[in-house]
Amino acid sequence: MKSEDVARYLHDHPEFFDQYADTLALVTLPDPHTGRAISITEKQLFNLRDKVRTLEAKLVELISFGEENDAISDKVHGLAVALIFATEPASVVRALYSHLGGAFAVPHVTLRLWGTGQGSGSEHEAVSDAIKAFAANLPRPYCGSTNGQESTKWFGEAATHLRSMTQVPLRTTGGECFGLLVLASEEPHRFYPELGTLYLERIGDMASAALLRVAE
C-alpha cells in the first residue's frame, strides 16, 4: 500500500482515529525547532503556545495603542479648554502655539489666516493664491515631506532644517477655507504620509471655531 492510499483512506474515513485512539498516540511528527520526533499532542501544545504568544503580543500592542490614544485625547482636551477660555484672536493664537509646541511637543508651529479680519501678527501676513488654492483643495490634513511645500518658508531660518510637516486647513462651517495651520519637524518621519489624521482634523475644527468666534 502506498502512502497516498493511506492518506486518502484517512481523509475519507475521519472516524478511524475515534475507533483506534491508541494508534493516534503512536503517530509522531518532527519538531520544527529541534528536529526530534514528537507526538501529535505535543505538536498541538506547541502550536497553542505559539498562538498564545502571538495573541499576547497583539494584546500588548493594543494596550499600547490605547494608552497612546488616551494621552493624545488628554492633550486635545487641554487645547480645547484653552481655546474656550480665549476671548480674542491673539489669545487663541497663543493657545495654539503654547499647546501644540508644549504638550504635543511639536518643535515648529505657524499659522496663516486670510479673510478673517486684520491683525498685526505674522499669522496675518499675505499668502499667495497658490497656498490658498492648495489649502482649499485639501480633503484632509497634509502629512509628509517638506520638499516643494511653499508654507515651509513661513518658518524663516529654520526652514532649511525641516524634513516633515502637516498642514491643517481651517474652514468655516460652510466649508470655506480661511487659513492654514502648519506643524513641522526636523525629523523626517514625525509627520509621514500614512499618519492618521483624525486628531489633526479635530484640532483643525477646534482652531477654526475658536478663530471665527473671536473674529466676529
C-alpha atoms as a PDB file:
ATOM      1  CA  MET A   1       0.000   0.000   0.000  1.00  0.00           C
ATOM      2  CA  LYS A   2       1.327   3.410  -0.940  1.00  0.00           C
ATOM      3  CA  SER A   3       1.401   6.399   1.405  1.00  0.00           C
ATOM      4  CA  GLU A   4      -1.042   8.182  -0.904  1.00  0.00           C
ATOM      5  CA  ASP A   5      -3.511   5.309  -0.351  1.00  0.00           C
ATOM      6  CA  VAL A   6      -3.174   5.674   3.435  1.00  0.00           C
ATOM      7  CA  ALA A   7      -3.672   9.432   3.250  1.00  0.00           C
ATOM      8  CA  ARG A   8      -6.714   9.016   1.010  1.00  0.00           C
ATOM      9  CA  TYR A   9      -8.227   6.407   3.307  1.00  0.00           C
ATOM     10  CA  LEU A  10      -7.781   8.576   6.411  1.00  0.00           C
ATOM     11  CA  HIS A  11      -9.242  11.534   4.555  1.00  0.00           C
ATOM     12  CA  ASP A  12     -12.274   9.506   3.544  1.00  0.00           C
ATOM     13  CA  HIS A  13     -12.673   7.905   6.972  1.00  0.00           C
ATOM     14  CA  PRO A  14     -12.138  10.636   9.625  1.00  0.00           C
ATOM     15  CA  GLU A  15     -13.773   8.375  12.194  1.00  0.00           C
ATOM     16  CA  PHE A  16     -10.808   5.971  12.029  1.00  0.00           C
ATOM     17  CA  PHE A  17      -8.983   7.523  14.989  1.00  0.00           C
ATOM     18  CA  ASP A  18     -12.186   7.548  17.017  1.00  0.00           C
ATOM     19  CA  GLN A  19     -12.139   3.788  16.787  1.00  0.00           C
ATOM     20  CA  TYR A  20      -8.376   3.445  17.151  1.00  0.00           C
ATOM     21  CA  ALA A  21      -7.386   6.263  19.534  1.00  0.00           C
ATOM     22  CA  ASP A  22      -4.333   4.331  20.751  1.00  0.00           C
ATOM     23  CA  THR A  23      -2.957   4.356  17.219  1.00  0.00           C
ATOM     24  CA  LEU A  24      -3.113   8.148  17.096  1.00  0.00           C
ATOM     25  CA  ALA A  25      -0.934   8.336  20.200  1.00  0.00           C
ATOM     26  CA  LEU A  26       1.786   6.444  18.328  1.00  0.00           C
ATOM     27  CA  VAL A  27       1.933   8.940  15.483  1.00  0.00           C
ATOM     28  CA  THR A  28       4.935  11.290  15.696  1.00  0.00           C
ATOM     29  CA  LEU A  29       5.949  14.439  13.855  1.00  0.00           C
ATOM     30  CA  PRO A  30       9.298  16.246  13.561  1.00  0.00           C
ATOM     31  CA  ASP A  31       9.741  19.144  15.972  1.00  0.00           C
ATOM     32  CA  PRO A  32      10.322  22.263  13.790  1.00  0.00           C
ATOM     33  CA  HIS A  33      12.782  23.626  16.376  1.00  0.00           C
ATOM     34  CA  THR A  34      14.864  20.564  17.336  1.00  0.00           C
ATOM     35  CA  GLY A  35      14.049  18.078  14.598  1.00  0.00           C
ATOM     36  CA  ARG A  36      13.316  15.321  17.126  1.00  0.00           C
ATOM     37  CA  ALA A  37      10.175  13.226  16.862  1.00  0.00           C
ATOM     38  CA  ILE A  38       7.253  14.418  18.977  1.00  0.00           C
ATOM     39  CA  SER A  39       3.698  13.222  19.394  1.00  0.00           C
ATOM     40  CA  ILE A  40       0.733  14.917  17.806  1.00  0.00           C
ATOM     41  CA  THR A  41      -0.365  16.009  21.277  1.00  0.00           C
ATOM     42  CA  GLU A  42       2.982  17.731  21.853  1.00  0.00           C
ATOM     43  CA  LYS A  43       2.748  19.305  18.413  1.00  0.00           C
ATOM     44  CA  GLN A  44      -0.701  20.679  19.244  1.00  0.00           C
ATOM     45  CA  LEU A  45       0.610  22.068  22.533  1.00  0.00           C
ATOM     46  CA  PHE A  46       3.479  23.791  20.714  1.00  0.00           C
ATOM     47  CA  ASN A  47       1.016  25.271  18.222  1.00  0.00           C
ATOM     48  CA  LEU A  48      -1.219  26.505  21.027  1.00  0.00           C
ATOM     49  CA  ARG A  49       1.736  28.088  22.813  1.00  0.00           C
ATOM     50  CA  ASP A  50       2.721  29.884  19.598  1.00  0.00           C
ATOM     51  CA  LYS A  51      -0.821  31.183  19.188  1.00  0.00           C
ATOM     52  CA  VAL A  52      -0.905  32.316  22.816  1.00  0.00           C
ATOM     53  CA  ARG A  53       2.382  34.186  22.363  1.00  0.00           C
ATOM     54  CA  THR A  54       1.023  35.846  19.209  1.00  0.00           C
ATOM     55  CA  LEU A  55      -2.190  36.866  20.979  1.00  0.00           C
ATOM     56  CA  GLU A  56      -0.239  38.182  23.970  1.00  0.00           C
ATOM     57  CA  ALA A  57       1.903  40.310  21.663  1.00  0.00           C
ATOM     58  CA  LYS A  58      -1.229  41.649  19.955  1.00  0.00           C
ATOM     59  CA  LEU A  59      -2.790  42.440  23.329  1.00  0.00           C
ATOM     60  CA  VAL A  60       0.314  44.342  24.437  1.00  0.00           C
ATOM     61  CA  GLU A  61       0.232  46.266  21.155  1.00  0.00           C
ATOM     62  CA  LEU A  62      -3.465  47.126  21.555  1.00  0.00           C
ATOM     63  CA  ILE A  63      -2.918  48.267  25.150  1.00  0.00           C
ATOM     64  CA  SER A  64      -0.044  50.446  23.975  1.00  0.00           C
ATOM     65  CA  PHE A  65      -2.215  51.996  21.248  1.00  0.00           C
ATOM     66  CA  GLY A  66      -4.988  52.574  23.778  1.00  0.00           C
ATOM     67  CA  GLU A  67      -2.651  54.308  26.219  1.00  0.00           C
ATOM     68  CA  GLU A  68      -1.225  56.431  23.410  1.00  0.00           C
ATOM     69  CA  ASN A  69      -4.713  57.458  22.285  1.00  0.00           C
ATOM     70  CA  ASP A  70      -5.669  58.296  25.878  1.00  0.00           C
ATOM     71  CA  ALA A  71      -2.618  60.539  26.168  1.00  0.00           C
ATOM     72  CA  ILE A  72      -3.430  62.305  22.894  1.00  0.00           C
ATOM     73  CA  SER A  73      -7.067  62.735  23.950  1.00  0.00           C
ATOM     74  CA  ASP A  74      -5.914  64.414  27.164  1.00  0.00           C
ATOM     75  CA  LYS A  75      -3.749  66.821  25.166  1.00  0.00           C
ATOM     76  CA  VAL A  76      -6.578  67.616  22.755  1.00  0.00           C
ATOM     77  CA  HIS A  77      -8.881  68.210  25.731  1.00  0.00           C
ATOM     78  CA  GLY A  78      -6.352  70.615  27.259  1.00  0.00           C
ATOM     79  CA  LEU A  79      -6.137  72.539  23.992  1.00  0.00           C
ATOM     80  CA  ALA A  80      -9.931  72.643  23.704  1.00  0.00           C
ATOM     81  CA  VAL A  81     -10.267  74.117  27.192  1.00  0.00           C
ATOM     82  CA  ALA A  82      -7.628  76.754  26.431  1.00  0.00           C
ATOM     83  CA  LEU A  83      -9.399  77.723  23.200  1.00  0.00           C
ATOM     84  CA  ILE A  84     -12.737  78.019  25.009  1.00  0.00           C
ATOM     85  CA  PHE A  85     -11.221  80.459  27.509  1.00  0.00           C
ATOM     86  CA  ALA A  86      -9.537  82.507  24.758  1.00  0.00           C
ATOM     87  CA  THR A  87     -11.518  85.711  24.227  1.00  0.00           C
ATOM     88  CA  GLU A  88      -9.537  87.474  21.493  1.00  0.00           C
ATOM     89  CA  PRO A  89      -7.619  86.492  18.336  1.00  0.00           C
ATOM     90  CA  ALA A  90      -4.213  86.907  19.982  1.00  0.00           C
ATOM     91  CA  SER A  91      -5.112  84.622  22.878  1.00  0.00           C
ATOM     92  CA  VAL A  92      -6.429  81.948  20.507  1.00  0.00           C
ATOM     93  CA  VAL A  93      -3.155  82.041  18.597  1.00  0.00           C
ATOM     94  CA  ARG A  94      -1.160  81.896  21.836  1.00  0.00           C
ATOM     95  CA  ALA A  95      -3.182  78.878  22.997  1.00  0.00           C
ATOM     96  CA  LEU A  96      -2.490  77.057  19.725  1.00  0.00           C
ATOM     97  CA  TYR A  97       1.237  77.782  19.813  1.00  0.00           C
ATOM     98  CA  SER A  98       1.531  77.004  23.524  1.00  0.00           C
ATOM     99  CA  HIS A  99      -0.267  73.645  23.476  1.00  0.00           C
ATOM    100  CA  LEU A 100       0.963  72.365  20.124  1.00  0.00           C
ATOM    101  CA  GLY A 101       4.535  73.347  20.941  1.00  0.00           C
ATOM    102  CA  GLY A 102       4.258  72.273  24.596  1.00  0.00           C
ATOM    103  CA  ALA A 103       2.003  69.306  25.336  1.00  0.00           C
ATOM    104  CA  PHE A 104       2.230  67.953  21.778  1.00  0.00           C
ATOM    105  CA  ALA A 105       5.976  68.704  21.585  1.00  0.00           C
ATOM    106  CA  VAL A 106       5.833  69.961  18.008  1.00  0.00           C
ATOM    107  CA  PRO A 107       9.041  71.984  17.569  1.00  0.00           C
ATOM    108  CA  HIS A 108       7.740  74.338  14.866  1.00  0.00           C
ATOM    109  CA  VAL A 109       4.199  75.731  14.636  1.00  0.00           C
ATOM    110  CA  THR A 110       2.889  78.567  12.500  1.00  0.00           C
ATOM    111  CA  LEU A 111      -0.407  79.860  11.214  1.00  0.00           C
ATOM    112  CA  ARG A 112      -1.684  81.982   8.355  1.00  0.00           C
ATOM    113  CA  LEU A 113      -5.162  83.487   8.075  1.00  0.00           C
ATOM    114  CA  TRP A 114      -6.968  85.277   5.296  1.00  0.00           C
ATOM    115  CA  GLY A 115     -10.471  86.716   5.132  1.00  0.00           C
ATOM    116  CA  THR A 116     -10.960  86.856   8.921  1.00  0.00           C
ATOM    117  CA  GLY A 117     -10.151  90.476   9.695  1.00  0.00           C
ATOM    118  CA  GLN A 118      -6.906  92.342  10.081  1.00  0.00           C
ATOM    119  CA  GLY A 119      -4.118  91.828  12.592  1.00  0.00           C
ATOM    120  CA  SER A 120      -0.516  92.768  13.214  1.00  0.00           C
ATOM    121  CA  GLY A 121       0.860  89.285  13.902  1.00  0.00           C
ATOM    122  CA  SER A 122       2.681  87.057  11.440  1.00  0.00           C
ATOM    123  CA  GLU A 123      -0.472  84.963  11.078  1.00  0.00           C
ATOM    124  CA  HIS A 124      -1.977  87.822   9.044  1.00  0.00           C
ATOM    125  CA  GLU A 125       0.929  88.160   6.625  1.00  0.00           C
ATOM    126  CA  ALA A 126      -0.046  87.913   2.968  1.00  0.00           C
ATOM    127  CA  VAL A 127      -0.041  84.473   1.367  1.00  0.00           C
ATOM    128  CA  SER A 128      -0.013  83.513  -2.293  1.00  0.00           C
ATOM    129  CA  ASP A 129      -3.058  82.455  -4.272  1.00  0.00           C
ATOM    130  CA  ALA A 130      -1.318  79.117  -4.765  1.00  0.00           C
ATOM    131  CA  ILE A 131      -1.291  78.497  -0.997  1.00  0.00           C
ATOM    132  CA  LYS A 132      -4.949  79.475  -0.707  1.00  0.00           C
ATOM    133  CA  ALA A 133      -5.868  77.087  -3.512  1.00  0.00           C
ATOM    134  CA  PHE A 134      -3.727  74.318  -2.008  1.00  0.00           C
ATOM    135  CA  ALA A 135      -5.375  74.681   1.406  1.00  0.00           C
ATOM    136  CA  ALA A 136      -8.870  74.877  -0.071  1.00  0.00           C
ATOM    137  CA  ASN A 137      -8.347  71.646  -2.010  1.00  0.00           C
ATOM    138  CA  LEU A 138      -7.028  69.604   0.926  1.00  0.00           C
ATOM    139  CA  PRO A 139      -9.608  66.877   1.691  1.00  0.00           C
ATOM    140  CA  ARG A 140      -7.757  66.217   4.954  1.00  0.00           C
ATOM    141  CA  PRO A 141      -4.543  67.478   6.618  1.00  0.00           C
ATOM    142  CA  TYR A 142      -1.412  67.018   4.522  1.00  0.00           C
ATOM    143  CA  CYS A 143       1.259  64.876   6.174  1.00  0.00           C
ATOM    144  CA  GLY A 144       4.614  64.247   4.581  1.00  0.00           C
ATOM    145  CA  SER A 145       7.850  65.748   3.364  1.00  0.00           C
ATOM    146  CA  THR A 146       8.542  69.472   3.370  1.00  0.00           C
ATOM    147  CA  ASN A 147      10.011  69.219  -0.137  1.00  0.00           C
ATOM    148  CA  GLY A 148       8.220  71.525  -2.537  1.00  0.00           C
ATOM    149  CA  GLN A 149       5.856  72.884   0.142  1.00  0.00           C
ATOM    150  CA  GLU A 150       5.607  76.672  -0.065  1.00  0.00           C
ATOM    151  CA  SER A 151       4.486  77.038   3.551  1.00  0.00           C
ATOM    152  CA  THR A 152       7.907  75.827   4.703  1.00  0.00           C
ATOM    153  CA  LYS A 153       9.166  79.353   4.016  1.00  0.00           C
ATOM    154  CA  TRP A 154       6.972  80.651   6.842  1.00  0.00           C
ATOM    155  CA  PHE A 155       9.459  79.225   9.355  1.00  0.00           C
ATOM    156  CA  GLY A 156      12.234  81.611   8.316  1.00  0.00           C
ATOM    157  CA  GLU A 157      15.790  80.469   9.006  1.00  0.00           C
ATOM    158  CA  ALA A 158      14.580  77.142  10.402  1.00  0.00           C
ATOM    159  CA  ALA A 159      13.023  76.201   7.047  1.00  0.00           C
ATOM    160  CA  THR A 160      16.167  74.587   5.647  1.00  0.00           C
ATOM    161  CA  HIS A 161      16.326  72.159   8.577  1.00  0.00           C
ATOM    162  CA  LEU A 162      12.727  70.943   8.408  1.00  0.00           C
ATOM    163  CA  ARG A 163      12.097  67.498   6.946  1.00  0.00           C
ATOM    164  CA  SER A 164       8.429  66.665   7.627  1.00  0.00           C
ATOM    165  CA  MET A 165       5.251  68.604   8.206  1.00  0.00           C
ATOM    166  CA  THR A 166       1.485  68.567   8.485  1.00  0.00           C
ATOM    167  CA  GLN A 167      -0.717  71.283   7.033  1.00  0.00           C
ATOM    168  CA  VAL A 168      -4.197  71.565   8.519  1.00  0.00           C
ATOM    169  CA  PRO A 169      -6.796  73.615   6.614  1.00  0.00           C
ATOM    170  CA  LEU A 170      -9.012  75.919   8.678  1.00  0.00           C
ATOM    171  CA  ARG A 171     -12.605  76.162   7.457  1.00  0.00           C
ATOM    172  CA  THR A 172     -15.871  77.916   8.167  1.00  0.00           C
ATOM    173  CA  THR A 173     -18.982  75.872   8.982  1.00  0.00           C
ATOM    174  CA  GLY A 174     -19.833  76.199   5.296  1.00  0.00           C
ATOM    175  CA  GLY A 175     -16.560  74.580   4.269  1.00  0.00           C
ATOM    176  CA  GLU A 176     -14.798  77.721   3.021  1.00  0.00           C
ATOM    177  CA  CYS A 177     -11.075  77.670   3.790  1.00  0.00           C
ATOM    178  CA  PHE A 178      -9.796  80.794   5.578  1.00  0.00           C
ATOM    179  CA  GLY A 179      -6.416  79.693   6.909  1.00  0.00           C
ATOM    180  CA  LEU A 180      -3.729  77.071   7.289  1.00  0.00           C
ATOM    181  CA  LEU A 181      -2.193  75.682  10.480  1.00  0.00           C
ATOM    182  CA  VAL A 182       1.271  74.216   9.868  1.00  0.00           C
ATOM    183  CA  LEU A 183       3.284  71.929  12.163  1.00  0.00           C
ATOM    184  CA  ALA A 184       6.821  70.916  11.200  1.00  0.00           C
ATOM    185  CA  SER A 185       9.793  68.929  12.468  1.00  0.00           C
ATOM    186  CA  GLU A 186      13.430  68.218  11.695  1.00  0.00           C
ATOM    187  CA  GLU A 187      12.601  64.507  11.953  1.00  0.00           C
ATOM    188  CA  PRO A 188      11.757  63.075   8.508  1.00  0.00           C
ATOM    189  CA  HIS A 189       9.258  60.586   9.935  1.00  0.00           C
ATOM    190  CA  ARG A 190       7.488  62.765  12.514  1.00  0.00           C
ATOM    191  CA  PHE A 191       4.719  63.521  10.000  1.00  0.00           C
ATOM    192  CA  TYR A 192       4.571  60.734   7.422  1.00  0.00           C
ATOM    193  CA  PRO A 193       2.002  60.227   4.616  1.00  0.00           C
ATOM    194  CA  GLU A 194       0.317  57.235   6.323  1.00  0.00           C
ATOM    195  CA  LEU A 195      -0.133  59.096   9.615  1.00  0.00           C
ATOM    196  CA  GLY A 196      -3.711  59.034  10.903  1.00  0.00           C
ATOM    197  CA  THR A 197      -5.279  62.479  10.694  1.00  0.00           C
ATOM    198  CA  LEU A 198      -8.300  62.108  12.994  1.00  0.00           C
ATOM    199  CA  TYR A 199      -6.842  64.170  15.842  1.00  0.00           C
ATOM    200  CA  LEU A 200      -5.345  66.688  13.416  1.00  0.00           C
ATOM    201  CA  GLU A 201      -8.769  67.175  11.863  1.00  0.00           C
ATOM    202  CA  ARG A 202     -10.300  67.706  15.291  1.00  0.00           C
ATOM    203  CA  ILE A 203      -7.607  70.237  16.176  1.00  0.00           C
ATOM    204  CA  GLY A 204      -8.327  71.998  12.901  1.00  0.00           C
ATOM    205  CA  ASP A 205     -12.060  72.100  13.681  1.00  0.00           C
ATOM    206  CA  MET A 206     -11.437  73.480  17.177  1.00  0.00           C
ATOM    207  CA  ALA A 207      -8.966  76.094  15.956  1.00  0.00           C
ATOM    208  CA  SER A 208     -11.324  77.157  13.188  1.00  0.00           C
ATOM    209  CA  ALA A 209     -14.263  77.519  15.565  1.00  0.00           C
ATOM    210  CA  ALA A 210     -12.223  79.500  18.095  1.00  0.00           C
ATOM    211  CA  LEU A 211     -10.747  81.853  15.495  1.00  0.00           C
ATOM    212  CA  LEU A 212     -14.122  82.502  13.873  1.00  0.00           C
ATOM    213  CA  ARG A 213     -15.737  83.097  17.258  1.00  0.00           C
ATOM    214  CA  VAL A 214     -13.314  85.824  18.313  1.00  0.00           C
ATOM    215  CA  ALA A 215     -13.217  87.371  14.837  1.00  0.00           C
ATOM    216  CA  GLU A 216     -16.935  88.129  14.902  1.00  0.00           C
END
